[in-house]
Amino acid sequence: MPYLIRKANYADLNSLVEMARTSFVQAFTEGNKTENVNAYLEEAFTEEQFTEELENPASVFFLLEVDGDLAGYAKVNFVPAQTDLHDNSSLEVARLYLLEKYIGMGLGKVLLNHTINFAKLNRKKYLWLGVWEKNKRAIKFYEKHGLSIFSSHPFPFGDELQTDFLMKIAF
């Protein structure tokens, strides 16, 4: 399957936000209250928020295109944009999402490997991310690709306080 991974730019903003919102809803509607999903979308998945993130030199968005269509994306953070560790020897994968119709085609692995290679190119010692403790499919995916749980943190989600596992892979 022909695919392309490239850095996002401002011209991608509208399509990126639309795809990001869709992939988030697909990933998190099950097992969560609709009002919490919607509240988080309005907090973290708006054009204003994505504009700020695109303007942040410590964050990079990678878009995955399949046959010219957006299929998924990854957002990585250097210090000081990292959410938890703030370790200059690491790279955080803040988001890694595929649209549902592309799951199971090996594209998640392609996107994850791209972030790992990007971390190595930037001379990082490890890559880490947070994943919702109830997202068993994602946890298995990351474990299959060499990441392991090393900690956890609370994650405010609407009117709930959820738990994310922190996972990493060292190089």
C-alpha atoms as a PDB file:
ATOM      1  CA  MET A   1       0.000   0.000   0.000  1.00  0.00           C
ATOM      2  CA  PRO A   2       1.566   3.307  -1.040  1.00  0.00           C
ATOM      3  CA  TYR A   3       1.950   5.712   1.855  1.00  0.00           C
ATOM      4  CA  LEU A   4       3.793   8.904   2.663  1.00  0.00           C
ATOM      5  CA  ILE A   5       4.808  10.369   6.017  1.00  0.00           C
ATOM      6  CA  ARG A   6       5.531  14.077   6.079  1.00  0.00           C
ATOM      7  CA  LYS A   7       5.714  16.971   8.511  1.00  0.00           C
ATOM      8  CA  ALA A   8       2.499  18.916   8.882  1.00  0.00           C
ATOM      9  CA  ASN A   9       2.343  22.613   8.067  1.00  0.00           C
ATOM     10  CA  TYR A  10      -0.238  25.375   8.414  1.00  0.00           C
ATOM     11  CA  ALA A  11      -1.883  24.457   5.125  1.00  0.00           C
ATOM     12  CA  ASP A  12      -2.785  21.106   6.731  1.00  0.00           C
ATOM     13  CA  LEU A  13      -4.521  22.643   9.752  1.00  0.00           C
ATOM     14  CA  ASN A  14      -8.179  22.135   8.790  1.00  0.00           C
ATOM     15  CA  SER A  15      -7.789  18.601   7.470  1.00  0.00           C
ATOM     16  CA  LEU A  16      -5.495  17.657  10.365  1.00  0.00           C
ATOM     17  CA  VAL A  17      -7.976  18.866  12.997  1.00  0.00           C
ATOM     18  CA  GLU A  18     -10.873  17.108  11.250  1.00  0.00           C
ATOM     19  CA  MET A  19      -8.971  13.813  10.978  1.00  0.00           C
ATOM     20  CA  ALA A  20      -7.620  14.132  14.549  1.00  0.00           C
ATOM     21  CA  ARG A  21     -11.102  14.690  15.961  1.00  0.00           C
ATOM     22  CA  THR A  22     -12.520  11.747  14.004  1.00  0.00           C
ATOM     23  CA  SER A  23      -9.737   9.375  15.025  1.00  0.00           C
ATOM     24  CA  PHE A  24     -10.043  10.444  18.678  1.00  0.00           C
ATOM     25  CA  VAL A  25     -13.807   9.813  18.692  1.00  0.00           C
ATOM     26  CA  GLN A  26     -13.259   6.431  17.048  1.00  0.00           C
ATOM     27  CA  ALA A  27     -10.643   5.487  19.638  1.00  0.00           C
ATOM     28  CA  PHE A  28     -12.287   6.765  22.814  1.00  0.00           C
ATOM     29  CA  THR A  29     -16.074   6.757  22.496  1.00  0.00           C
ATOM     30  CA  GLU A  30     -16.331   3.177  23.726  1.00  0.00           C
ATOM     31  CA  GLY A  31     -15.921   3.056  27.491  1.00  0.00           C
ATOM     32  CA  ASN A  32     -16.261   6.800  28.006  1.00  0.00           C
ATOM     33  CA  LYS A  33     -19.148   9.181  28.590  1.00  0.00           C
ATOM     34  CA  THR A  34     -20.079  11.100  25.443  1.00  0.00           C
ATOM     35  CA  GLU A  35     -20.031  14.391  27.340  1.00  0.00           C
ATOM     36  CA  ASN A  36     -16.435  13.727  28.500  1.00  0.00           C
ATOM     37  CA  VAL A  37     -15.317  12.901  24.963  1.00  0.00           C
ATOM     38  CA  ASN A  38     -16.979  16.080  23.676  1.00  0.00           C
ATOM     39  CA  ALA A  39     -15.506  18.223  26.472  1.00  0.00           C
ATOM     40  CA  TYR A  40     -12.010  16.934  25.708  1.00  0.00           C
ATOM     41  CA  LEU A  41     -12.486  17.548  21.979  1.00  0.00           C
ATOM     42  CA  GLU A  42     -13.400  21.168  22.723  1.00  0.00           C
ATOM     43  CA  GLU A  43     -10.355  21.535  24.962  1.00  0.00           C
ATOM     44  CA  ALA A  44      -7.616  19.745  23.026  1.00  0.00           C
ATOM     45  CA  PHE A  45      -8.815  19.250  19.443  1.00  0.00           C
ATOM     46  CA  THR A  46      -9.660  22.741  18.222  1.00  0.00           C
ATOM     47  CA  GLU A  47      -8.098  24.736  15.399  1.00  0.00           C
ATOM     48  CA  GLU A  48      -6.806  27.253  17.965  1.00  0.00           C
ATOM     49  CA  GLN A  49      -5.128  24.533  20.030  1.00  0.00           C
ATOM     50  CA  PHE A  50      -3.600  22.834  16.992  1.00  0.00           C
ATOM     51  CA  THR A  51      -2.366  26.199  15.718  1.00  0.00           C
ATOM     52  CA  GLU A  52      -0.544  26.761  19.028  1.00  0.00           C
ATOM     53  CA  GLU A  53       0.929  23.262  18.845  1.00  0.00           C
ATOM     54  CA  LEU A  54       2.034  23.722  15.223  1.00  0.00           C
ATOM     55  CA  GLU A  55       3.707  27.008  16.206  1.00  0.00           C
ATOM     56  CA  ASN A  56       5.568  25.393  19.104  1.00  0.00           C
ATOM     57  CA  PRO A  57       9.141  24.637  17.991  1.00  0.00           C
ATOM     58  CA  ALA A  58       9.302  21.800  20.562  1.00  0.00           C
ATOM     59  CA  SER A  59       6.443  19.904  18.877  1.00  0.00           C
ATOM     60  CA  VAL A  60       6.305  18.201  15.485  1.00  0.00           C
ATOM     61  CA  PHE A  61       3.297  16.691  13.713  1.00  0.00           C
ATOM     62  CA  PHE A  62       3.821  13.883  11.210  1.00  0.00           C
ATOM     63  CA  LEU A  63       1.008  13.102   8.798  1.00  0.00           C
ATOM     64  CA  LEU A  64       0.494   9.656   7.328  1.00  0.00           C
ATOM     65  CA  GLU A  65      -1.117   9.732   3.909  1.00  0.00           C
ATOM     66  CA  VAL A  66      -2.399   6.699   2.019  1.00  0.00           C
ATOM     67  CA  ASP A  67      -3.121   7.276  -1.665  1.00  0.00           C
ATOM     68  CA  GLY A  68      -3.149  11.022  -0.957  1.00  0.00           C
ATOM     69  CA  ASP A  69      -5.690  10.784   1.904  1.00  0.00           C
ATOM     70  CA  LEU A  70      -4.887  11.485   5.553  1.00  0.00           C
ATOM     71  CA  ALA A  71      -4.921   8.146   7.351  1.00  0.00           C
ATOM     72  CA  GLY A  72      -3.308   9.078  10.660  1.00  0.00           C
ATOM     73  CA  TYR A  73      -0.835  11.255  12.446  1.00  0.00           C
ATOM     74  CA  ALA A  74       1.702  11.414  15.229  1.00  0.00           C
ATOM     75  CA  LYS A  75       2.670  14.367  17.375  1.00  0.00           C
ATOM     76  CA  VAL A  76       6.036  14.284  19.140  1.00  0.00           C
ATOM     77  CA  ASN A  77       7.335  16.603  21.828  1.00  0.00           C
ATOM     78  CA  PHE A  78      10.807  17.682  22.803  1.00  0.00           C
ATOM     79  CA  VAL A  79      11.441  19.486  26.105  1.00  0.00           C
ATOM     80  CA  PRO A  80       9.778  21.867  27.100  1.00  0.00           C
ATOM     81  CA  ALA A  81       6.593  20.687  25.358  1.00  0.00           C
ATOM     82  CA  GLN A  82       6.709  17.255  27.009  1.00  0.00           C
ATOM     83  CA  THR A  83       3.774  16.554  29.286  1.00  0.00           C
ATOM     84  CA  ASP A  84       5.469  14.637  32.095  1.00  0.00           C
ATOM     85  CA  LEU A  85       9.140  13.790  32.083  1.00  0.00           C
ATOM     86  CA  HIS A  86      10.843  16.880  30.650  1.00  0.00           C
ATOM     87  CA  ASP A  87      13.946  14.817  29.917  1.00  0.00           C
ATOM     88  CA  ASN A  88      16.239  16.198  27.209  1.00  0.00           C
ATOM     89  CA  SER A  89      17.429  12.676  26.412  1.00  0.00           C
ATOM     90  CA  SER A  90      13.901  11.598  25.448  1.00  0.00           C
ATOM     91  CA  LEU A  91      11.217  12.208  22.863  1.00  0.00           C
ATOM     92  CA  GLU A  92       7.544  11.998  23.828  1.00  0.00           C
ATOM     93  CA  VAL A  93       4.919  10.657  21.457  1.00  0.00           C
ATOM     94  CA  ALA A  94       2.045  12.835  22.606  1.00  0.00           C
ATOM     95  CA  ARG A  95      -0.381  11.400  20.038  1.00  0.00           C
ATOM     96  CA  LEU A  96      -0.387   8.545  17.573  1.00  0.00           C
ATOM     97  CA  TYR A  97      -3.714   7.908  15.856  1.00  0.00           C
ATOM     98  CA  LEU A  98      -5.020   6.154  12.777  1.00  0.00           C
ATOM     99  CA  LEU A  99      -8.484   6.424  11.326  1.00  0.00           C
ATOM    100  CA  GLU A 100     -10.372   3.212  12.048  1.00  0.00           C
ATOM    101  CA  LYS A 101     -10.481   2.057   8.423  1.00  0.00           C
ATOM    102  CA  TYR A 102      -6.651   1.949   8.325  1.00  0.00           C
ATOM    103  CA  ILE A 103      -6.162  -0.065  11.533  1.00  0.00           C
ATOM    104  CA  GLY A 104      -4.831  -3.570  10.969  1.00  0.00           C
ATOM    105  CA  MET A 105      -2.864  -2.723   7.820  1.00  0.00           C
ATOM    106  CA  GLY A 106       0.530  -2.307   9.472  1.00  0.00           C
ATOM    107  CA  LEU A 107       0.355   1.481   9.273  1.00  0.00           C
ATOM    108  CA  GLY A 108       0.449   1.986  13.043  1.00  0.00           C
ATOM    109  CA  LYS A 109       3.793   0.208  13.064  1.00  0.00           C
ATOM    110  CA  VAL A 110       4.984   2.398  10.186  1.00  0.00           C
ATOM    111  CA  LEU A 111       4.002   5.559  12.071  1.00  0.00           C
ATOM    112  CA  LEU A 112       5.498   4.368  15.378  1.00  0.00           C
ATOM    113  CA  ASN A 113       8.736   3.375  13.646  1.00  0.00           C
ATOM    114  CA  HIS A 114       8.875   6.820  12.075  1.00  0.00           C
ATOM    115  CA  THR A 115       8.737   8.433  15.532  1.00  0.00           C
ATOM    116  CA  ILE A 116      11.386   6.032  16.841  1.00  0.00           C
ATOM    117  CA  ASN A 117      13.689   6.808  13.904  1.00  0.00           C
ATOM    118  CA  PHE A 118      13.064  10.531  14.417  1.00  0.00           C
ATOM    119  CA  ALA A 119      14.070  10.156  18.084  1.00  0.00           C
ATOM    120  CA  LYS A 120      17.249   8.318  17.080  1.00  0.00           C
ATOM    121  CA  LEU A 121      18.091  10.953  14.438  1.00  0.00           C
ATOM    122  CA  ASN A 122      17.769  13.546  17.192  1.00  0.00           C
ATOM    123  CA  ARG A 123      20.143  11.527  19.400  1.00  0.00           C
ATOM    124  CA  LYS A 124      17.539  10.691  22.035  1.00  0.00           C
ATOM    125  CA  LYS A 125      18.141   7.748  24.372  1.00  0.00           C
ATOM    126  CA  TYR A 126      14.509   6.702  24.569  1.00  0.00           C
ATOM    127  CA  LEU A 127      10.987   7.399  23.381  1.00  0.00           C
ATOM    128  CA  TRP A 128       8.002   7.441  25.730  1.00  0.00           C
ATOM    129  CA  LEU A 129       4.256   7.959  25.647  1.00  0.00           C
ATOM    130  CA  GLY A 130       1.116   7.798  27.740  1.00  0.00           C
ATOM    131  CA  VAL A 131      -1.700   5.374  26.975  1.00  0.00           C
ATOM    132  CA  TRP A 132      -5.078   5.019  28.689  1.00  0.00           C
ATOM    133  CA  GLU A 133      -4.991   2.009  31.014  1.00  0.00           C
ATOM    134  CA  LYS A 134      -8.264   0.697  29.505  1.00  0.00           C
ATOM    135  CA  ASN A 135      -7.012   0.906  25.910  1.00  0.00           C
ATOM    136  CA  LYS A 136      -5.910  -2.729  25.820  1.00  0.00           C
ATOM    137  CA  ARG A 137      -5.477  -2.766  22.030  1.00  0.00           C
ATOM    138  CA  ALA A 138      -3.039   0.158  22.133  1.00  0.00           C
ATOM    139  CA  ILE A 139      -1.131  -1.276  25.104  1.00  0.00           C
ATOM    140  CA  LYS A 140      -0.710  -4.625  23.291  1.00  0.00           C
ATOM    141  CA  PHE A 141       0.358  -2.791  20.132  1.00  0.00           C
ATOM    142  CA  TYR A 142       3.053  -0.822  21.961  1.00  0.00           C
ATOM    143  CA  GLU A 143       4.272  -3.871  23.889  1.00  0.00           C
ATOM    144  CA  LYS A 144       4.484  -5.843  20.631  1.00  0.00           C
ATOM    145  CA  HIS A 145       6.757  -3.102  19.289  1.00  0.00           C
ATOM    146  CA  GLY A 146       9.148  -3.023  22.239  1.00  0.00           C
ATOM    147  CA  LEU A 147       7.655  -0.476  24.637  1.00  0.00           C
ATOM    148  CA  SER A 148       7.068  -1.352  28.270  1.00  0.00           C
ATOM    149  CA  ILE A 149       5.140   0.252  31.099  1.00  0.00           C
ATOM    150  CA  PHE A 150       7.361   2.107  33.558  1.00  0.00           C
ATOM    151  CA  SER A 151       4.949   4.375  35.414  1.00  0.00           C
ATOM    152  CA  SER A 152       1.502   5.958  35.316  1.00  0.00           C
ATOM    153  CA  HIS A 153      -0.093   9.355  35.743  1.00  0.00           C
ATOM    154  CA  PRO A 154      -3.558  10.765  36.327  1.00  0.00           C
ATOM    155  CA  PHE A 155      -5.316  12.098  33.242  1.00  0.00           C
ATOM    156  CA  PRO A 156      -8.241  14.525  33.683  1.00  0.00           C
ATOM    157  CA  PHE A 157     -10.955  13.609  31.182  1.00  0.00           C
ATOM    158  CA  GLY A 158     -14.145  15.617  31.525  1.00  0.00           C
ATOM    159  CA  ASP A 159     -15.593  14.944  34.960  1.00  0.00           C
ATOM    160  CA  GLU A 160     -13.346  11.894  35.537  1.00  0.00           C
ATOM    161  CA  LEU A 161      -9.770  11.362  36.573  1.00  0.00           C
ATOM    162  CA  GLN A 162      -8.446   8.488  34.471  1.00  0.00           C
ATOM    163  CA  THR A 163      -5.088   6.750  34.596  1.00  0.00           C
ATOM    164  CA  ASP A 164      -2.598   6.619  31.750  1.00  0.00           C
ATOM    165  CA  PHE A 165       0.243   4.126  31.729  1.00  0.00           C
ATOM    166  CA  LEU A 166       3.584   5.618  30.730  1.00  0.00           C
ATOM    167  CA  MET A 167       5.474   3.360  28.316  1.00  0.00           C
ATOM    168  CA  LYS A 168       8.937   3.665  26.822  1.00  0.00           C
ATOM    169  CA  ILE A 169      11.505   2.093  24.569  1.00  0.00           C
ATOM    170  CA  ALA A 170      15.226   2.718  25.003  1.00  0.00           C
ATOM    171  CA  PHE A 171      17.748   2.687  22.171  1.00  0.00           C
END
